[in-house]
Amino acid sequence: MNDPFHLHVSPKHTTGVLRGIPEDDFGGELSARGLSGLAHKIYRNFQDYGLGITLQKTLAYLLRSIYFQQVYRIYSIRLDAFRSPVELDNHKFIFKILTPQNVEMIAQVENIAEWMRGQLTEAISSGQLCLVALDGDRVAGFNLINFNQATLVLVNLQKKLRKGFAWSEHIAVKKEFRKSGLGSQLRFRIFQELKKRGIRRLYGGTLQSNVASLSLSKSVGFKQISDIHYRKILSFEKWRYERVRA
């Protein structure tokens, strides 16, 4: 199989700029913040996902030192085949690519995605691309792109990217701006910017259970290509790769 994510991934070594845990999961600051950090994370997940999913996530986190499993779905899009939709300019947001000097906006992004806290300035300085959507002076959402490597923290893998490829590190929209079409707007503008930079293919991924994220990816043109099944029992880890059938 010739998909670059299907076979040629290796266990993660922490060499990237961003070293936290994406918002899909518990972790990140919890080791430092203890029970208060766990309570904060439970509260945030309850706000975003409701009681049922929050209980599942909490139980999985508490048991993960003994047993842990995830299924992570990879998707991709060929940017040379992407055409901007007519409705791309139908929006109330202002879009901006961040620089290290945008201190206040960086702080707002790190507040949305807490696993990035204290790291985003370094990531941008190292060449990563962060596009934000602004509602006045407030960050309503963002998309962070990595040109060097794909770090799949939730399944403990890392992949060096080929020239002309990019990885969507994280996309998020604040709760009060969801269902406004902002997620699609962020994606379409990232596609345009990456095409201008000579990027031919963009990859991304999320947990197989994240229906909302997978639905968004499909609606903007991504193709779901493979699943990574990850299992950890004590210190023993195992990965299994499975192509997604169209």
Protein backbone atom coordinates (compact mmCIF):
# COMPACT_ATOMS: atom_id res chain seq x y z
CA MET A 1 0.00 0.00 0.00
CA ASN A 2 1.39 3.38 -0.91
CA ASP A 3 -0.24 5.65 1.64
CA PRO A 4 2.55 7.22 3.71
CA PHE A 5 0.66 6.82 6.98
CA HIS A 6 -0.25 3.19 6.51
CA LEU A 7 3.10 1.59 7.19
CA HIS A 8 5.88 4.06 7.76
CA VAL A 9 5.05 5.34 11.21
CA SER A 10 7.24 4.77 14.24
CA PRO A 11 6.78 5.02 18.02
CA LYS A 12 6.79 8.62 19.12
CA HIS A 13 9.89 10.29 20.54
CA THR A 14 9.30 13.75 21.98
CA THR A 15 11.32 15.86 19.55
CA GLY A 16 8.56 18.16 18.27
CA VAL A 17 7.84 21.65 19.49
CA LEU A 18 4.39 20.82 20.86
CA ARG A 19 4.57 18.32 23.67
CA GLY A 20 1.11 18.26 25.25
CA ILE A 21 -2.02 16.21 24.77
CA PRO A 22 -4.69 17.31 22.27
CA GLU A 23 -8.11 18.26 23.56
CA ASP A 24 -9.54 14.90 22.44
CA ASP A 25 -8.08 13.34 25.56
CA PHE A 26 -7.32 13.78 29.24
CA GLY A 27 -3.69 14.39 30.17
CA GLY A 28 -1.32 17.24 29.44
CA GLU A 29 -1.25 19.34 32.58
CA LEU A 30 -2.86 16.73 34.83
CA SER A 31 0.43 15.33 36.08
CA ALA A 32 1.38 18.77 37.33
CA ARG A 33 -2.06 19.96 38.46
CA GLY A 34 -3.19 16.74 40.13
CA LEU A 35 -6.82 16.34 41.11
CA SER A 36 -7.64 19.99 40.47
CA GLY A 37 -6.45 19.50 36.88
CA LEU A 38 -8.58 16.38 36.52
CA ALA A 39 -11.64 18.19 37.90
CA HIS A 40 -11.06 21.05 35.47
CA LYS A 41 -10.76 18.63 32.55
CA ILE A 42 -13.92 16.79 33.58
CA TYR A 43 -15.79 20.10 33.74
CA ARG A 44 -14.54 21.16 30.29
CA ASN A 45 -15.51 17.82 28.75
CA PHE A 46 -18.94 17.93 30.41
CA GLN A 47 -19.53 21.35 28.85
CA ASP A 48 -18.44 20.15 25.41
CA TYR A 49 -19.71 16.56 25.27
CA GLY A 50 -22.32 15.99 27.99
CA LEU A 51 -22.47 13.47 30.82
CA GLY A 52 -22.23 10.15 28.93
CA ILE A 53 -19.05 10.84 26.95
CA THR A 54 -17.48 12.62 29.93
CA LEU A 55 -17.95 9.53 32.10
CA GLN A 56 -16.39 7.35 29.40
CA LYS A 57 -13.39 9.66 29.05
CA THR A 58 -12.91 9.91 32.82
CA LEU A 59 -13.01 6.15 33.32
CA ALA A 60 -10.60 5.59 30.43
CA TYR A 61 -8.18 8.12 31.91
CA LEU A 62 -8.27 6.55 35.37
CA LEU A 63 -7.60 3.07 33.94
CA ARG A 64 -5.04 4.06 31.30
CA SER A 65 -1.97 3.26 33.41
CA ILE A 66 -3.11 -0.40 33.33
CA TYR A 67 -4.99 -0.72 30.06
CA PHE A 68 -5.57 1.77 27.25
CA GLN A 69 -6.85 1.50 23.69
CA GLN A 70 -7.74 3.96 20.93
CA VAL A 71 -8.67 3.91 17.27
CA TYR A 72 -7.29 6.93 15.43
CA ARG A 73 -8.56 7.73 11.94
CA ILE A 74 -6.34 9.42 9.34
CA TYR A 75 -7.77 11.51 6.50
CA SER A 76 -6.17 13.44 3.64
CA ILE A 77 -6.96 15.84 0.81
CA ARG A 78 -5.17 16.56 -2.46
CA LEU A 79 -4.85 20.32 -2.52
CA ASP A 80 -4.08 20.51 -6.24
CA ALA A 81 -7.64 19.29 -6.83
CA PHE A 82 -9.23 21.73 -4.37
CA ARG A 83 -11.36 24.57 -5.74
CA SER A 84 -12.53 27.39 -3.46
CA PRO A 85 -16.31 27.36 -2.94
CA VAL A 86 -18.30 30.43 -3.97
CA GLU A 87 -19.51 31.00 -0.39
CA LEU A 88 -15.95 31.40 0.91
CA ASP A 89 -16.40 35.14 1.36
CA ASN A 90 -19.77 34.80 3.11
CA HIS A 91 -18.67 35.27 6.71
CA LYS A 92 -18.48 37.71 9.61
CA PHE A 93 -14.99 36.74 10.76
CA ILE A 94 -11.56 38.19 10.04
CA PHE A 95 -8.86 35.61 9.29
CA LYS A 96 -5.23 36.13 10.24
CA ILE A 97 -2.00 34.11 10.21
CA LEU A 98 -0.29 34.55 13.55
CA THR A 99 3.27 35.72 14.10
CA PRO A 100 5.24 35.47 17.37
CA GLN A 101 4.41 39.15 17.97
CA ASN A 102 0.65 38.43 18.28
CA VAL A 103 0.99 37.76 22.00
CA GLU A 104 -2.63 38.32 23.02
CA MET A 105 -4.05 36.16 20.22
CA ILE A 106 -1.56 33.39 21.01
CA ALA A 107 -2.72 33.46 24.62
CA GLN A 108 -6.33 33.11 23.49
CA VAL A 109 -5.47 30.11 21.27
CA GLU A 110 -3.64 28.46 24.17
CA ASN A 111 -6.71 29.02 26.35
CA ILE A 112 -8.88 27.22 23.79
CA ALA A 113 -6.41 24.32 23.45
CA GLU A 114 -4.83 24.07 26.89
CA TRP A 115 -2.37 21.34 25.88
CA MET A 116 -0.49 24.01 23.87
CA ARG A 117 -0.06 26.35 26.81
CA GLY A 118 3.34 28.06 26.76
CA GLN A 119 4.36 26.37 23.49
CA LEU A 120 2.60 28.08 20.59
CA THR A 121 5.03 31.00 20.20
CA GLU A 122 7.91 28.54 19.83
CA ALA A 123 5.89 26.45 17.37
CA ILE A 124 5.15 29.47 15.16
CA SER A 125 8.77 30.63 15.38
CA SER A 126 9.90 27.19 14.21
CA GLY A 127 7.78 27.41 11.06
CA GLN A 128 4.36 26.06 11.98
CA LEU A 129 1.36 27.91 10.56
CA CYS A 130 -1.49 29.06 12.79
CA LEU A 131 -4.56 30.57 11.15
CA VAL A 132 -7.08 32.23 13.49
CA ALA A 133 -10.62 33.47 12.94
CA LEU A 134 -11.37 36.70 14.79
CA ASP A 135 -14.73 37.97 16.00
CA GLY A 136 -13.69 41.53 16.76
CA ASP A 137 -10.63 41.08 18.97
CA ARG A 138 -11.65 37.60 20.15
CA VAL A 139 -10.23 34.38 18.70
CA ALA A 140 -13.26 32.32 17.65
CA GLY A 141 -11.30 29.39 16.22
CA PHE A 142 -7.98 28.34 14.76
CA ASN A 143 -6.16 25.73 12.68
CA LEU A 144 -2.51 24.84 13.38
CA ILE A 145 -0.42 23.24 10.62
CA ASN A 146 2.91 21.42 10.89
CA PHE A 147 5.15 21.09 7.82
CA ASN A 148 7.83 18.87 9.36
CA GLN A 149 6.16 16.03 11.19
CA ALA A 150 2.85 14.51 12.20
CA THR A 151 2.62 13.84 15.92
CA LEU A 152 -0.21 11.48 16.79
CA VAL A 153 -0.03 11.83 20.55
CA LEU A 154 -3.21 9.88 21.24
CA VAL A 155 -1.70 6.72 19.75
CA ASN A 156 1.93 7.49 20.64
CA LEU A 157 3.23 7.76 17.06
CA GLN A 158 5.26 10.25 15.09
CA LYS A 159 5.78 10.56 11.34
CA LYS A 160 8.29 12.66 9.41
CA LEU A 161 6.52 14.40 6.53
CA ARG A 162 7.67 14.34 2.92
CA LYS A 163 8.32 17.57 1.06
CA GLY A 164 5.03 19.02 -0.19
CA PHE A 165 3.00 17.37 2.59
CA ALA A 166 1.56 18.99 5.73
CA TRP A 167 -0.21 17.82 8.88
CA SER A 168 -3.17 19.50 10.58
CA GLU A 169 -1.94 19.58 14.17
CA HIS A 170 -5.15 20.92 15.68
CA ILE A 171 -8.38 22.64 14.62
CA ALA A 172 -10.83 24.06 17.14
CA VAL A 173 -13.82 26.39 17.26
CA LYS A 174 -15.00 27.94 20.53
CA LYS A 175 -18.30 26.54 21.73
CA GLU A 176 -20.29 29.75 21.18
CA PHE A 177 -19.24 29.87 17.50
CA ARG A 178 -19.99 26.26 16.60
CA LYS A 179 -22.64 25.46 13.98
CA SER A 180 -21.83 28.77 12.28
CA GLY A 181 -19.82 27.23 9.44
CA LEU A 182 -16.56 28.52 10.94
CA GLY A 183 -14.89 25.11 10.93
CA SER A 184 -15.38 24.86 7.17
CA GLN A 185 -14.19 28.44 6.67
CA LEU A 186 -10.97 27.70 8.56
CA ARG A 187 -10.37 24.59 6.47
CA PHE A 188 -11.01 26.28 3.13
CA ARG A 189 -8.68 29.17 3.95
CA ILE A 190 -5.96 26.80 5.13
CA PHE A 191 -6.31 24.91 1.84
CA GLN A 192 -5.82 28.15 -0.10
CA GLU A 193 -2.80 29.20 1.95
CA LEU A 194 -1.13 25.79 1.68
CA LYS A 195 -1.66 25.69 -2.09
CA LYS A 196 0.10 29.07 -2.35
CA ARG A 197 3.02 27.57 -0.42
CA GLY A 198 3.33 24.62 -2.76
CA ILE A 199 1.81 22.00 -0.43
CA ARG A 200 0.26 19.19 -2.46
CA ARG A 201 -1.42 17.11 0.25
CA LEU A 202 -2.76 17.83 3.73
CA TYR A 203 -3.25 15.10 6.33
CA GLY A 204 -5.13 15.13 9.60
CA GLY A 205 -6.72 12.77 12.04
CA THR A 206 -8.94 12.32 15.05
CA LEU A 207 -10.35 9.56 17.21
CA GLN A 208 -12.72 7.29 15.32
CA SER A 209 -15.35 8.16 17.93
CA ASN A 210 -15.16 11.91 17.18
CA VAL A 211 -18.14 11.96 14.83
CA ALA A 212 -18.38 15.76 14.62
CA SER A 213 -14.75 16.17 13.56
CA LEU A 214 -14.95 13.37 10.99
CA SER A 215 -18.17 14.83 9.59
CA LEU A 216 -16.49 18.23 9.16
CA SER A 217 -13.47 16.69 7.45
CA LYS A 218 -15.69 14.83 4.99
CA SER A 219 -17.82 17.90 4.23
CA VAL A 220 -14.78 19.97 3.16
CA GLY A 221 -13.29 17.26 0.93
CA PHE A 222 -11.02 15.06 3.07
CA LYS A 223 -10.95 11.34 2.31
CA GLN A 224 -10.74 8.94 5.25
CA ILE A 225 -7.87 6.61 4.44
CA SER A 226 -6.73 4.51 7.40
CA ASP A 227 -7.26 3.58 11.04
CA ILE A 228 -4.52 3.12 13.59
CA HIS A 229 -5.57 0.68 16.33
CA TYR A 230 -3.47 1.27 19.43
CA ARG A 231 -3.42 -0.85 22.58
CA LYS A 232 -1.32 -0.54 25.70
CA ILE A 233 -1.29 -3.05 28.56
CA LEU A 234 1.03 -1.91 31.35
CA SER A 235 4.24 -1.09 29.40
CA PHE A 236 3.45 -3.27 26.35
CA GLU A 237 2.28 -1.36 23.26
CA LYS A 238 0.84 -2.65 20.00
CA TRP A 239 -0.25 -0.89 16.78
CA ARG A 240 -2.38 -2.28 13.97
CA TYR A 241 -3.07 -0.43 10.71
CA GLU A 242 -6.21 -0.88 8.66
CA ARG A 243 -7.18 0.85 5.43
CA VAL A 244 -10.59 2.51 5.42
CA ARG A 245 -12.73 1.18 2.59
CA ALA A 246 -14.60 3.78 0.56
